[in-house]
Amino acid sequence: MTIPPVSTELRQSLERHRFSLSPQPGMPVGEETVHVVLDHGGETLHAGRVIQDRGLWSAFAVVRPQSLWRADEVGRYESFEDAVLAVLMSFTYVE
């Protein structure tokens, strides 16, 4: 799977804040999953994921890092970029 394109501004913002997009291999066509990860000083933290299902992108963000169910669905979007932005705006990081 290839990661859908995002704007130059979003790509630069992701890099500046040490986030990256990582595809999940082995997903069926039309049901792609892209993980949003944060590089935190040699440690990789999962910030959320964006899943394509039936033409919409569902955004799931980690909002309770220490909980059994850490992620909540934060919206469904027609645009991949809007879904990634929703994950970034909703992600909760606790040291």
N, C-alpha and C. Protein backbone atom coordinates (compact mmCIF):
# COMPACT_ATOMS: atom_id res chain seq x y z
N MET A 1 0.84 -1.17 0.00
CA MET A 1 0.00 0.00 0.00
C MET A 1 0.88 1.24 0.00
N THR A 2 0.49 2.22 -0.75
CA THR A 2 1.17 3.50 -0.71
C THR A 2 0.34 4.47 0.12
N ILE A 3 1.00 5.36 0.80
CA ILE A 3 0.32 6.36 1.60
C ILE A 3 -0.23 7.43 0.67
N PRO A 4 -1.50 7.79 0.81
CA PRO A 4 -2.06 8.84 -0.04
C PRO A 4 -1.26 10.14 0.13
N PRO A 5 -1.22 10.94 -0.92
CA PRO A 5 -0.46 12.19 -0.84
C PRO A 5 -1.09 13.19 0.13
N VAL A 6 -0.23 13.98 0.77
CA VAL A 6 -0.67 15.07 1.63
C VAL A 6 -0.01 16.35 1.16
N SER A 7 -0.53 17.48 1.59
CA SER A 7 0.02 18.76 1.16
C SER A 7 1.44 18.94 1.69
N THR A 8 2.17 19.79 1.02
CA THR A 8 3.53 20.10 1.45
C THR A 8 3.53 20.67 2.87
N GLU A 9 2.54 21.50 3.18
CA GLU A 9 2.47 22.12 4.50
C GLU A 9 2.29 21.06 5.60
N LEU A 10 1.40 20.09 5.35
CA LEU A 10 1.19 19.04 6.35
C LEU A 10 2.42 18.17 6.46
N ARG A 11 3.03 17.82 5.34
CA ARG A 11 4.24 16.99 5.37
C ARG A 11 5.35 17.68 6.17
N GLN A 12 5.56 18.98 5.96
CA GLN A 12 6.59 19.72 6.69
C GLN A 12 6.25 19.81 8.17
N SER A 13 4.98 20.00 8.50
CA SER A 13 4.57 20.07 9.90
C SER A 13 4.77 18.72 10.60
N LEU A 14 4.43 17.64 9.92
CA LEU A 14 4.67 16.31 10.48
C LEU A 14 6.15 16.12 10.79
N GLU A 15 7.00 16.45 9.85
CA GLU A 15 8.44 16.28 10.03
C GLU A 15 8.97 17.19 11.14
N ARG A 16 8.51 18.43 11.19
CA ARG A 16 8.98 19.39 12.19
C ARG A 16 8.64 18.91 13.62
N HIS A 17 7.48 18.27 13.77
CA HIS A 17 7.05 17.81 15.09
C HIS A 17 7.35 16.34 15.32
N ARG A 18 8.17 15.75 14.47
CA ARG A 18 8.67 14.38 14.58
C ARG A 18 7.59 13.30 14.44
N PHE A 19 6.54 13.61 13.68
CA PHE A 19 5.52 12.61 13.36
C PHE A 19 5.83 12.01 11.99
N SER A 20 5.36 10.79 11.78
CA SER A 20 5.47 10.18 10.46
C SER A 20 4.25 9.32 10.20
N LEU A 21 4.04 8.99 8.94
CA LEU A 21 2.94 8.14 8.52
C LEU A 21 3.51 6.80 8.09
N SER A 22 2.92 5.73 8.57
CA SER A 22 3.42 4.39 8.29
C SER A 22 2.28 3.49 7.84
N PRO A 23 2.36 2.92 6.63
CA PRO A 23 1.27 2.06 6.17
C PRO A 23 1.30 0.70 6.87
N GLN A 24 0.14 0.11 7.05
CA GLN A 24 0.06 -1.24 7.59
C GLN A 24 0.04 -2.21 6.42
N PRO A 25 1.02 -3.10 6.36
CA PRO A 25 1.07 -4.03 5.23
C PRO A 25 -0.02 -5.09 5.31
N GLY A 26 -0.36 -5.64 4.16
CA GLY A 26 -1.27 -6.77 4.11
C GLY A 26 -2.75 -6.44 4.19
N MET A 27 -3.10 -5.18 4.06
CA MET A 27 -4.52 -4.81 4.10
C MET A 27 -5.13 -4.98 2.72
N PRO A 28 -6.41 -5.41 2.64
CA PRO A 28 -7.07 -5.54 1.33
C PRO A 28 -7.24 -4.19 0.65
N VAL A 29 -7.30 -4.20 -0.66
CA VAL A 29 -7.49 -2.96 -1.41
C VAL A 29 -8.83 -2.35 -1.00
N GLY A 30 -8.83 -1.04 -0.76
CA GLY A 30 -10.03 -0.35 -0.33
C GLY A 30 -10.22 -0.31 1.17
N GLU A 31 -9.34 -1.01 1.92
CA GLU A 31 -9.42 -1.00 3.38
C GLU A 31 -8.03 -0.69 3.95
N GLU A 32 -7.41 0.36 3.44
CA GLU A 32 -6.07 0.70 3.85
C GLU A 32 -6.05 1.27 5.27
N THR A 33 -4.93 1.03 5.96
CA THR A 33 -4.70 1.57 7.30
C THR A 33 -3.35 2.25 7.31
N VAL A 34 -3.32 3.49 7.81
CA VAL A 34 -2.08 4.24 7.94
C VAL A 34 -1.95 4.64 9.40
N HIS A 35 -0.80 4.34 10.00
CA HIS A 35 -0.54 4.68 11.40
C HIS A 35 0.17 6.03 11.47
N VAL A 36 -0.19 6.82 12.46
CA VAL A 36 0.48 8.09 12.75
C VAL A 36 1.35 7.84 13.97
N VAL A 37 2.66 7.97 13.80
CA VAL A 37 3.59 7.67 14.88
C VAL A 37 4.46 8.88 15.20
N LEU A 38 4.89 8.94 16.46
CA LEU A 38 5.72 10.03 16.95
C LEU A 38 7.06 9.47 17.36
N ASP A 39 8.15 10.03 16.82
CA ASP A 39 9.50 9.65 17.23
C ASP A 39 9.86 10.50 18.44
N HIS A 40 9.94 9.86 19.60
CA HIS A 40 10.20 10.59 20.84
C HIS A 40 11.54 10.14 21.42
N GLY A 41 12.61 10.74 20.91
CA GLY A 41 13.95 10.46 21.43
C GLY A 41 14.34 8.99 21.38
N GLY A 42 14.21 8.38 20.24
CA GLY A 42 14.58 6.99 20.09
C GLY A 42 13.44 6.03 20.39
N GLU A 43 12.38 6.52 20.97
CA GLU A 43 11.20 5.71 21.27
C GLU A 43 10.10 6.10 20.29
N THR A 44 9.40 5.12 19.74
CA THR A 44 8.31 5.40 18.81
C THR A 44 6.99 5.24 19.54
N LEU A 45 6.17 6.28 19.51
CA LEU A 45 4.87 6.25 20.16
C LEU A 45 3.77 6.26 19.11
N HIS A 46 2.77 5.44 19.32
CA HIS A 46 1.63 5.37 18.41
C HIS A 46 0.67 6.49 18.76
N ALA A 47 0.43 7.41 17.84
CA ALA A 47 -0.48 8.53 18.08
C ALA A 47 -1.89 8.22 17.62
N GLY A 48 -2.03 7.30 16.68
CA GLY A 48 -3.35 6.94 16.17
C GLY A 48 -3.24 6.28 14.82
N ARG A 49 -4.40 6.11 14.20
CA ARG A 49 -4.42 5.48 12.88
C ARG A 49 -5.57 6.06 12.07
N VAL A 50 -5.43 5.91 10.78
CA VAL A 50 -6.45 6.37 9.83
C VAL A 50 -6.79 5.16 8.97
N ILE A 51 -8.06 4.82 8.91
CA ILE A 51 -8.49 3.61 8.20
C ILE A 51 -9.48 3.99 7.10
N GLN A 52 -9.22 3.50 5.89
CA GLN A 52 -10.16 3.74 4.79
C GLN A 52 -11.13 2.58 4.74
N ASP A 53 -12.41 2.91 4.76
CA ASP A 53 -13.44 1.89 4.69
C ASP A 53 -14.63 2.45 3.92
N ARG A 54 -14.94 1.83 2.81
CA ARG A 54 -16.07 2.22 1.97
C ARG A 54 -16.02 3.69 1.56
N GLY A 55 -14.84 4.15 1.19
CA GLY A 55 -14.70 5.50 0.65
C GLY A 55 -14.47 6.60 1.66
N LEU A 56 -14.59 6.31 2.94
CA LEU A 56 -14.34 7.33 3.97
C LEU A 56 -13.11 6.94 4.78
N TRP A 57 -12.47 7.96 5.33
CA TRP A 57 -11.31 7.75 6.21
C TRP A 57 -11.76 7.96 7.65
N SER A 58 -11.64 6.91 8.47
CA SER A 58 -11.96 7.00 9.89
C SER A 58 -10.68 7.30 10.65
N ALA A 59 -10.75 8.28 11.54
CA ALA A 59 -9.58 8.69 12.32
C ALA A 59 -9.73 8.21 13.76
N PHE A 60 -8.71 7.54 14.26
CA PHE A 60 -8.66 7.06 15.64
C PHE A 60 -7.42 7.66 16.30
N ALA A 61 -7.60 8.35 17.41
CA ALA A 61 -6.47 8.98 18.09
C ALA A 61 -6.32 8.39 19.49
N VAL A 62 -5.07 8.28 19.93
CA VAL A 62 -4.79 7.85 21.30
C VAL A 62 -5.14 9.01 22.22
N VAL A 63 -6.14 8.81 23.05
CA VAL A 63 -6.58 9.87 23.96
C VAL A 63 -6.41 9.47 25.43
N ARG A 64 -6.21 8.17 25.67
CA ARG A 64 -5.97 7.67 27.02
C ARG A 64 -4.77 6.73 26.97
N PRO A 65 -3.55 7.26 27.01
CA PRO A 65 -2.36 6.43 26.79
C PRO A 65 -2.19 5.28 27.78
N GLN A 66 -2.67 5.41 29.00
CA GLN A 66 -2.45 4.39 30.02
C GLN A 66 -3.63 3.44 30.18
N SER A 67 -4.61 3.53 29.32
CA SER A 67 -5.85 2.78 29.46
C SER A 67 -5.85 1.52 28.60
N LEU A 68 -6.76 0.60 28.91
CA LEU A 68 -6.91 -0.61 28.11
C LEU A 68 -7.37 -0.26 26.70
N TRP A 69 -8.38 0.61 26.57
CA TRP A 69 -8.83 1.10 25.26
C TRP A 69 -8.31 2.51 25.10
N ARG A 70 -7.17 2.62 24.47
CA ARG A 70 -6.45 3.89 24.42
C ARG A 70 -6.99 4.85 23.37
N ALA A 71 -7.55 4.32 22.30
CA ALA A 71 -7.91 5.18 21.16
C ALA A 71 -9.43 5.33 21.04
N ASP A 72 -9.83 6.49 20.60
CA ASP A 72 -11.23 6.78 20.29
C ASP A 72 -11.33 7.20 18.84
N GLU A 73 -12.47 6.88 18.24
CA GLU A 73 -12.72 7.41 16.89
C GLU A 73 -13.03 8.89 17.02
N VAL A 74 -12.31 9.70 16.27
CA VAL A 74 -12.48 11.15 16.37
C VAL A 74 -13.13 11.75 15.13
N GLY A 75 -13.57 10.91 14.22
CA GLY A 75 -14.30 11.41 13.07
C GLY A 75 -14.12 10.55 11.83
N ARG A 76 -14.97 10.83 10.84
CA ARG A 76 -14.89 10.21 9.51
C ARG A 76 -14.83 11.31 8.48
N TYR A 77 -13.95 11.14 7.53
CA TYR A 77 -13.66 12.22 6.59
C TYR A 77 -13.56 11.68 5.17
N GLU A 78 -13.91 12.51 4.22
CA GLU A 78 -13.72 12.15 2.82
C GLU A 78 -12.26 12.28 2.42
N SER A 79 -11.55 13.16 3.09
CA SER A 79 -10.15 13.46 2.76
C SER A 79 -9.20 12.75 3.74
N PHE A 80 -8.19 12.09 3.18
CA PHE A 80 -7.15 11.47 4.00
C PHE A 80 -6.46 12.51 4.87
N GLU A 81 -6.15 13.65 4.29
CA GLU A 81 -5.45 14.71 5.01
C GLU A 81 -6.27 15.22 6.20
N ASP A 82 -7.58 15.39 6.03
CA ASP A 82 -8.43 15.83 7.14
C ASP A 82 -8.44 14.80 8.26
N ALA A 83 -8.42 13.52 7.91
CA ALA A 83 -8.39 12.47 8.93
C ALA A 83 -7.07 12.50 9.70
N VAL A 84 -5.96 12.69 9.01
CA VAL A 84 -4.66 12.78 9.68
C VAL A 84 -4.64 13.99 10.62
N LEU A 85 -5.16 15.12 10.16
CA LEU A 85 -5.23 16.31 11.01
C LEU A 85 -6.07 16.07 12.25
N ALA A 86 -7.16 15.33 12.13
CA ALA A 86 -8.01 15.02 13.28
C ALA A 86 -7.25 14.19 14.31
N VAL A 87 -6.45 13.24 13.84
CA VAL A 87 -5.63 12.44 14.76
C VAL A 87 -4.64 13.36 15.48
N LEU A 88 -3.97 14.22 14.74
CA LEU A 88 -2.97 15.10 15.35
C LEU A 88 -3.60 16.05 16.36
N MET A 89 -4.78 16.57 16.08
CA MET A 89 -5.43 17.51 16.99
C MET A 89 -5.98 16.82 18.24
N SER A 90 -6.28 15.52 18.15
CA SER A 90 -6.90 14.81 19.27
C SER A 90 -5.92 13.98 20.09
N PHE A 91 -4.74 13.73 19.55
CA PHE A 91 -3.74 12.90 20.23
C PHE A 91 -3.36 13.50 21.58
N THR A 92 -3.33 12.63 22.60
CA THR A 92 -2.93 13.04 23.94
C THR A 92 -1.64 12.34 24.30
N TYR A 93 -0.62 13.11 24.61
CA TYR A 93 0.66 12.54 25.02
C TYR A 93 0.92 12.89 26.47
N VAL A 94 1.18 11.88 27.27
CA VAL A 94 1.45 12.09 28.69
C VAL A 94 2.81 11.49 29.00
N GLU A 95 3.69 12.26 29.60
CA GLU A 95 5.00 11.72 29.98
C GLU A 95 4.91 11.06 31.33
